[in-house]
Amino acid sequence: MTLREAILEASRRRGMDPYTQPFKPSELGIRASDYGSFSDHCSENETCSGKWNSEVILKVAEWSASGRPFRYLLL
């Protein structure tokens, strides 16, 4: 199962829209480490680790106080 499929399936179970409602992997019950890192799936212009994955499917919606990605939106 791809990360996109996992996000869509988990968000349906929780009754949320991952395109408009920011989420953390743990809120969806997804272990981010199963997919590398969620920030790997962001644009390399947005996160440093975005350079490791050419498939850009996530956007950072909220940053933590320490400047790390905290919540995401599905593109």
PDB file of N, CA and C in Angstrom:
ATOM      1  N   MET A   1       0.852  -1.175   0.000  1.00  0.00           N
ATOM      2  CA  MET A   1       0.000   0.000   0.000  1.00  0.00           C
ATOM      3  C   MET A   1       0.897   1.237   0.000  1.00  0.00           C
ATOM      4  N   THR A   2       0.583   2.183  -0.863  1.00  0.00           N
ATOM      5  CA  THR A   2       1.365   3.418  -0.913  1.00  0.00           C
ATOM      6  C   THR A   2       0.970   4.327   0.244  1.00  0.00           C
ATOM      7  N   LEU A   3       1.790   5.337   0.499  1.00  0.00           N
ATOM      8  CA  LEU A   3       1.475   6.284   1.563  1.00  0.00           C
ATOM      9  C   LEU A   3       0.163   7.008   1.272  1.00  0.00           C
ATOM     10  N   ARG A   4      -0.050   7.424   0.040  1.00  0.00           N
ATOM     11  CA  ARG A   4      -1.307   8.100  -0.329  1.00  0.00           C
ATOM     12  C   ARG A   4      -2.509   7.210  -0.011  1.00  0.00           C
ATOM     13  N   GLU A   5      -2.429   5.945  -0.390  1.00  0.00           N
ATOM     14  CA  GLU A   5      -3.529   5.011  -0.123  1.00  0.00           C
ATOM     15  C   GLU A   5      -3.748   4.838   1.375  1.00  0.00           C
ATOM     16  N   ALA A   6      -2.656   4.732   2.131  1.00  0.00           N
ATOM     17  CA  ALA A   6      -2.768   4.578   3.585  1.00  0.00           C
ATOM     18  C   ALA A   6      -3.426   5.808   4.218  1.00  0.00           C
ATOM     19  N   ILE A   7      -3.046   6.998   3.769  1.00  0.00           N
ATOM     20  CA  ILE A   7      -3.626   8.236   4.307  1.00  0.00           C
ATOM     21  C   ILE A   7      -5.111   8.308   3.967  1.00  0.00           C
ATOM     22  N   LEU A   8      -5.465   8.005   2.725  1.00  0.00           N
ATOM     23  CA  LEU A   8      -6.870   8.066   2.316  1.00  0.00           C
ATOM     24  C   LEU A   8      -7.720   7.054   3.087  1.00  0.00           C
ATOM     25  N   GLU A   9      -7.219   5.847   3.241  1.00  0.00           N
ATOM     26  CA  GLU A   9      -7.966   4.819   3.968  1.00  0.00           C
ATOM     27  C   GLU A   9      -8.131   5.192   5.444  1.00  0.00           C
ATOM     28  N   ALA A  10      -7.047   5.611   6.077  1.00  0.00           N
ATOM     29  CA  ALA A  10      -7.104   5.963   7.501  1.00  0.00           C
ATOM     30  C   ALA A  10      -7.973   7.194   7.746  1.00  0.00           C
ATOM     31  N   SER A  11      -7.911   8.155   6.856  1.00  0.00           N
ATOM     32  CA  SER A  11      -8.721   9.366   7.045  1.00  0.00           C
ATOM     33  C   SER A  11     -10.208   9.064   6.853  1.00  0.00           C
ATOM     34  N   ARG A  12     -10.535   8.162   5.939  1.00  0.00           N
ATOM     35  CA  ARG A  12     -11.939   7.755   5.764  1.00  0.00           C
ATOM     36  C   ARG A  12     -12.467   7.115   7.042  1.00  0.00           C
ATOM     37  N   ARG A  13     -11.667   6.258   7.654  1.00  0.00           N
ATOM     38  CA  ARG A  13     -12.076   5.590   8.896  1.00  0.00           C
ATOM     39  C   ARG A  13     -12.302   6.604  10.011  1.00  0.00           C
ATOM     40  N   ARG A  14     -11.570   7.698  10.001  1.00  0.00           N
ATOM     41  CA  ARG A  14     -11.677   8.705  11.058  1.00  0.00           C
ATOM     42  C   ARG A  14     -12.597   9.861  10.679  1.00  0.00           C
ATOM     43  N   GLY A  15     -13.183   9.798   9.491  1.00  0.00           N
ATOM     44  CA  GLY A  15     -14.141  10.815   9.070  1.00  0.00           C
ATOM     45  C   GLY A  15     -13.529  12.191   8.851  1.00  0.00           C
ATOM     46  N   MET A  16     -12.314  12.213   8.311  1.00  0.00           N
ATOM     47  CA  MET A  16     -11.692  13.503   8.055  1.00  0.00           C
ATOM     48  C   MET A  16     -11.249  13.607   6.603  1.00  0.00           C
ATOM     49  N   ASP A  17     -11.052  14.832   6.151  1.00  0.00           N
ATOM     50  CA  ASP A  17     -10.623  15.097   4.783  1.00  0.00           C
ATOM     51  C   ASP A  17      -9.143  15.495   4.810  1.00  0.00           C
ATOM     52  N   PRO A  18      -8.233  14.629   4.356  1.00  0.00           N
ATOM     53  CA  PRO A  18      -6.802  14.923   4.443  1.00  0.00           C
ATOM     54  C   PRO A  18      -6.344  16.035   3.497  1.00  0.00           C
ATOM     55  N   TYR A  19      -7.240  16.443   2.587  1.00  0.00           N
ATOM     56  CA  TYR A  19      -6.923  17.531   1.664  1.00  0.00           C
ATOM     57  C   TYR A  19      -7.173  18.900   2.304  1.00  0.00           C
ATOM     58  N   THR A  20      -8.052  18.941   3.299  1.00  0.00           N
ATOM     59  CA  THR A  20      -8.400  20.229   3.922  1.00  0.00           C
ATOM     60  C   THR A  20      -8.166  20.279   5.425  1.00  0.00           C
ATOM     61  N   GLN A  21      -8.059  19.115   6.070  1.00  0.00           N
ATOM     62  CA  GLN A  21      -7.843  19.061   7.515  1.00  0.00           C
ATOM     63  C   GLN A  21      -6.425  18.576   7.810  1.00  0.00           C
ATOM     64  N   PRO A  22      -5.575  19.452   8.352  1.00  0.00           N
ATOM     65  CA  PRO A  22      -4.203  19.041   8.658  1.00  0.00           C
ATOM     66  C   PRO A  22      -4.183  17.870   9.645  1.00  0.00           C
ATOM     67  N   PHE A  23      -3.220  16.974   9.462  1.00  0.00           N
ATOM     68  CA  PHE A  23      -3.139  15.769  10.285  1.00  0.00           C
ATOM     69  C   PHE A  23      -1.682  15.434  10.611  1.00  0.00           C
ATOM     70  N   LYS A  24      -1.511  14.722  11.720  1.00  0.00           N
ATOM     71  CA  LYS A  24      -0.236  14.104  12.075  1.00  0.00           C
ATOM     72  C   LYS A  24      -0.372  12.624  11.746  1.00  0.00           C
ATOM     73  N   PRO A  25       0.711  11.959  11.424  1.00  0.00           N
ATOM     74  CA  PRO A  25       0.619  10.518  11.142  1.00  0.00           C
ATOM     75  C   PRO A  25      -0.051   9.763  12.291  1.00  0.00           C
ATOM     76  N   SER A  26       0.297  10.111  13.528  1.00  0.00           N
ATOM     77  CA  SER A  26      -0.254   9.391  14.682  1.00  0.00           C
ATOM     78  C   SER A  26      -1.762   9.589  14.806  1.00  0.00           C
ATOM     79  N   GLU A  27      -2.277  10.723  14.357  1.00  0.00           N
ATOM     80  CA  GLU A  27      -3.720  10.962  14.415  1.00  0.00           C
ATOM     81  C   GLU A  27      -4.475  10.044  13.461  1.00  0.00           C
ATOM     82  N   LEU A  28      -3.788   9.590  12.433  1.00  0.00           N
ATOM     83  CA  LEU A  28      -4.408   8.671  11.472  1.00  0.00           C
ATOM     84  C   LEU A  28      -4.113   7.218  11.816  1.00  0.00           C
ATOM     85  N   GLY A  29      -3.258   7.005  12.797  1.00  0.00           N
ATOM     86  CA  GLY A  29      -2.879   5.646  13.150  1.00  0.00           C
ATOM     87  C   GLY A  29      -1.849   5.069  12.200  1.00  0.00           C
ATOM     88  N   ILE A  30      -1.089   5.946  11.547  1.00  0.00           N
ATOM     89  CA  ILE A  30      -0.066   5.512  10.602  1.00  0.00           C
ATOM     90  C   ILE A  30       1.297   5.685  11.249  1.00  0.00           C
ATOM     91  N   ARG A  31       2.129   4.665  11.125  1.00  0.00           N
ATOM     92  CA  ARG A  31       3.506   4.772  11.597  1.00  0.00           C
ATOM     93  C   ARG A  31       4.328   5.373  10.469  1.00  0.00           C
ATOM     94  N   ALA A  32       4.749   6.617  10.644  1.00  0.00           N
ATOM     95  CA  ALA A  32       5.480   7.327   9.593  1.00  0.00           C
ATOM     96  C   ALA A  32       6.724   6.568   9.170  1.00  0.00           C
ATOM     97  N   SER A  33       7.372   5.888  10.089  1.00  0.00           N
ATOM     98  CA  SER A  33       8.608   5.171   9.769  1.00  0.00           C
ATOM     99  C   SER A  33       8.388   4.042   8.761  1.00  0.00           C
ATOM    100  N   ASP A  34       7.147   3.576   8.615  1.00  0.00           N
ATOM    101  CA  ASP A  34       6.856   2.560   7.607  1.00  0.00           C
ATOM    102  C   ASP A  34       7.029   3.110   6.192  1.00  0.00           C
ATOM    103  N   TYR A  35       7.030   4.432   6.062  1.00  0.00           N
ATOM    104  CA  TYR A  35       7.107   5.093   4.755  1.00  0.00           C
ATOM    105  C   TYR A  35       8.332   5.994   4.666  1.00  0.00           C
ATOM    106  N   GLY A  36       9.345   5.746   5.468  1.00  0.00           N
ATOM    107  CA  GLY A  36      10.512   6.614   5.524  1.00  0.00           C
ATOM    108  C   GLY A  36      10.208   7.709   6.522  1.00  0.00           C
ATOM    109  N   SER A  37       9.810   8.845   6.020  1.00  0.00           N
ATOM    110  CA  SER A  37       9.402   9.976   6.837  1.00  0.00           C
ATOM    111  C   SER A  37       8.353  10.746   6.046  1.00  0.00           C
ATOM    112  N   PHE A  38       7.364  11.271   6.715  1.00  0.00           N
ATOM    113  CA  PHE A  38       6.354  12.041   6.002  1.00  0.00           C
ATOM    114  C   PHE A  38       6.988  13.238   5.303  1.00  0.00           C
ATOM    115  N   SER A  39       7.976  13.863   5.929  1.00  0.00           N
ATOM    116  CA  SER A  39       8.584  15.035   5.309  1.00  0.00           C
ATOM    117  C   SER A  39       9.370  14.674   4.046  1.00  0.00           C
ATOM    118  N   ASP A  40       9.709  13.394   3.858  1.00  0.00           N
ATOM    119  CA  ASP A  40      10.340  12.955   2.607  1.00  0.00           C
ATOM    120  C   ASP A  40       9.390  13.145   1.432  1.00  0.00           C
ATOM    121  N   HIS A  41       8.105  13.154   1.696  1.00  0.00           N
ATOM    122  CA  HIS A  41       7.092  13.231   0.641  1.00  0.00           C
ATOM    123  C   HIS A  41       6.616  14.659   0.392  1.00  0.00           C
ATOM    124  N   CYS A  42       7.339  15.634   0.943  1.00  0.00           N
ATOM    125  CA  CYS A  42       7.061  17.052   0.704  1.00  0.00           C
ATOM    126  C   CYS A  42       8.030  17.565  -0.360  1.00  0.00           C
ATOM    127  N   SER A  43       7.763  18.754  -0.844  1.00  0.00           N
ATOM    128  CA  SER A  43       8.654  19.378  -1.811  1.00  0.00           C
ATOM    129  C   SER A  43      10.012  19.637  -1.175  1.00  0.00           C
ATOM    130  N   GLU A  44      11.069  19.472  -1.935  1.00  0.00           N
ATOM    131  CA  GLU A  44      12.408  19.740  -1.394  1.00  0.00           C
ATOM    132  C   GLU A  44      12.590  21.223  -1.085  1.00  0.00           C
ATOM    133  N   ASN A  45      11.734  22.086  -1.626  1.00  0.00           N
ATOM    134  CA  ASN A  45      11.764  23.514  -1.291  1.00  0.00           C
ATOM    135  C   ASN A  45      11.139  23.769   0.071  1.00  0.00           C
ATOM    136  N   GLU A  46      10.387  22.798   0.568  1.00  0.00           N
ATOM    137  CA  GLU A  46       9.676  22.959   1.841  1.00  0.00           C
ATOM    138  C   GLU A  46      10.388  22.272   3.003  1.00  0.00           C
ATOM    139  N   THR A  47      10.896  21.069   2.776  1.00  0.00           N
ATOM    140  CA  THR A  47      11.618  20.340   3.832  1.00  0.00           C
ATOM    141  C   THR A  47      12.951  19.846   3.298  1.00  0.00           C
ATOM    142  N   CYS A  48      13.934  19.770   4.162  1.00  0.00           N
ATOM    143  CA  CYS A  48      15.270  19.293   3.753  1.00  0.00           C
ATOM    144  C   CYS A  48      15.216  17.862   3.246  1.00  0.00           C
ATOM    145  N   SER A  49      14.423  17.015   3.883  1.00  0.00           N
ATOM    146  CA  SER A  49      14.381  15.610   3.483  1.00  0.00           C
ATOM    147  C   SER A  49      13.514  15.377   2.256  1.00  0.00           C
ATOM    148  N   GLY A  50      12.871  16.427   1.729  1.00  0.00           N
ATOM    149  CA  GLY A  50      12.087  16.291   0.510  1.00  0.00           C
ATOM    150  C   GLY A  50      12.921  15.846  -0.676  1.00  0.00           C
ATOM    151  N   LYS A  51      14.231  16.034  -0.589  1.00  0.00           N
ATOM    152  CA  LYS A  51      15.104  15.633  -1.691  1.00  0.00           C
ATOM    153  C   LYS A  51      15.219  14.114  -1.827  1.00  0.00           C
ATOM    154  N   TRP A  52      14.801  13.366  -0.811  1.00  0.00           N
ATOM    155  CA  TRP A  52      14.966  11.919  -0.836  1.00  0.00           C
ATOM    156  C   TRP A  52      13.850  11.182  -1.570  1.00  0.00           C
ATOM    157  N   ASN A  53      12.766  11.853  -1.893  1.00  0.00           N
ATOM    158  CA  ASN A  53      11.654  11.179  -2.553  1.00  0.00           C
ATOM    159  C   ASN A  53      11.115  12.097  -3.645  1.00  0.00           C
ATOM    160  N   SER A  54      11.037  11.608  -4.857  1.00  0.00           N
ATOM    161  CA  SER A  54      10.568  12.440  -5.969  1.00  0.00           C
ATOM    162  C   SER A  54       9.046  12.567  -5.998  1.00  0.00           C
ATOM    163  N   GLU A  55       8.346  11.713  -5.248  1.00  0.00           N
ATOM    164  CA  GLU A  55       6.886  11.765  -5.219  1.00  0.00           C
ATOM    165  C   GLU A  55       6.430  12.770  -4.152  1.00  0.00           C
ATOM    166  N   VAL A  56       6.013  13.948  -4.603  1.00  0.00           N
ATOM    167  CA  VAL A  56       5.557  14.995  -3.691  1.00  0.00           C
ATOM    168  C   VAL A  56       4.049  14.867  -3.541  1.00  0.00           C
ATOM    169  N   ILE A  57       3.611  14.352  -2.375  1.00  0.00           N
ATOM    170  CA  ILE A  57       2.174  14.168  -2.154  1.00  0.00           C
ATOM    171  C   ILE A  57       1.690  14.906  -0.913  1.00  0.00           C
ATOM    172  N   LEU A  58       2.627  15.484  -0.137  1.00  0.00           N
ATOM    173  CA  LEU A  58       2.256  16.158   1.105  1.00  0.00           C
ATOM    174  C   LEU A  58       2.757  17.596   1.125  1.00  0.00           C
ATOM    175  N   LYS A  59       2.049  18.417   1.880  1.00  0.00           N
ATOM    176  CA  LYS A  59       2.432  19.805   2.127  1.00  0.00           C
ATOM    177  C   LYS A  59       2.407  20.010   3.633  1.00  0.00           C
ATOM    178  N   VAL A  60       3.411  20.703   4.158  1.00  0.00           N
ATOM    179  CA  VAL A  60       3.430  20.992   5.588  1.00  0.00           C
ATOM    180  C   VAL A  60       2.369  22.056   5.867  1.00  0.00           C
ATOM    181  N   ALA A  61       1.456  21.742   6.773  1.00  0.00           N
ATOM    182  CA  ALA A  61       0.380  22.658   7.125  1.00  0.00           C
ATOM    183  C   ALA A  61       0.670  23.383   8.432  1.00  0.00           C
ATOM    184  N   GLU A  62       1.495  22.780   9.278  1.00  0.00           N
ATOM    185  CA  GLU A  62       1.804  23.369  10.585  1.00  0.00           C
ATOM    186  C   GLU A  62       3.203  22.932  11.002  1.00  0.00           C
ATOM    187  N   TRP A  63       3.955  23.880  11.543  1.00  0.00           N
ATOM    188  CA  TRP A  63       5.319  23.611  12.014  1.00  0.00           C
ATOM    189  C   TRP A  63       5.337  23.598  13.534  1.00  0.00           C
ATOM    190  N   SER A  64       6.229  22.800  14.103  1.00  0.00           N
ATOM    191  CA  SER A  64       6.377  22.760  15.566  1.00  0.00           C
ATOM    192  C   SER A  64       7.167  23.992  16.015  1.00  0.00           C
ATOM    193  N   ALA A  65       7.213  24.209  17.310  1.00  0.00           N
ATOM    194  CA  ALA A  65       7.960  25.345  17.857  1.00  0.00           C
ATOM    195  C   ALA A  65       9.448  25.231  17.531  1.00  0.00           C
ATOM    196  N   SER A  66       9.930  24.009  17.338  1.00  0.00           N
ATOM    197  CA  SER A  66      11.345  23.816  17.023  1.00  0.00           C
ATOM    198  C   SER A  66      11.624  23.902  15.521  1.00  0.00           C
ATOM    199  N   GLY A  67      10.584  24.193  14.723  1.00  0.00           N
ATOM    200  CA  GLY A  67      10.768  24.373  13.289  1.00  0.00           C
ATOM    201  C   GLY A  67      10.705  23.109  12.462  1.00  0.00           C
ATOM    202  N   ARG A  68      10.150  22.047  13.040  1.00  0.00           N
ATOM    203  CA  ARG A  68      10.002  20.790  12.311  1.00  0.00           C
ATOM    204  C   ARG A  68       8.563  20.639  11.815  1.00  0.00           C
ATOM    205  N   PRO A  69       8.358  19.923  10.709  1.00  0.00           N
ATOM    206  CA  PRO A  69       6.990  19.679  10.247  1.00  0.00           C
ATOM    207  C   PRO A  69       6.179  18.977  11.336  1.00  0.00           C
ATOM    208  N   PHE A  70       4.942  19.443  11.544  1.00  0.00           N
ATOM    209  CA  PHE A  70       4.110  18.906  12.614  1.00  0.00           C
ATOM    210  C   PHE A  70       2.821  18.288  12.071  1.00  0.00           C
ATOM    211  N   ARG A  71       2.156  19.007  11.175  1.00  0.00           N
ATOM    212  CA  ARG A  71       0.924  18.497  10.560  1.00  0.00           C
ATOM    213  C   ARG A  71       1.030  18.698   9.038  1.00  0.00           C
ATOM    214  N   TYR A  72       0.341  17.830   8.305  1.00  0.00           N
ATOM    215  CA  TYR A  72       0.447  17.813   6.859  1.00  0.00           C
ATOM    216  C   TYR A  72      -0.926  17.866   6.197  1.00  0.00           C
ATOM    217  N   LEU A  73      -0.923  18.213   4.924  1.00  0.00           N
ATOM    218  CA  LEU A  73      -2.097  18.110   4.070  1.00  0.00           C
ATOM    219  C   LEU A  73      -1.713  17.258   2.874  1.00  0.00           C
ATOM    220  N   LEU A  74      -2.659  16.477   2.385  1.00  0.00           N
ATOM    221  CA  LEU A  74      -2.439  15.660   1.201  1.00  0.00           C
ATOM    222  C   LEU A  74      -2.674  16.535  -0.025  1.00  0.00           C
ATOM    223  N   LEU A  75      -1.800  16.433  -1.010  1.00  0.00           N
ATOM    224  CA  LEU A  75      -1.955  17.211  -2.258  1.00  0.00           C
ATOM    225  C   LEU A  75      -2.749  16.417  -3.272  1.00  0.00           C
TER     226      LEU A  75
END
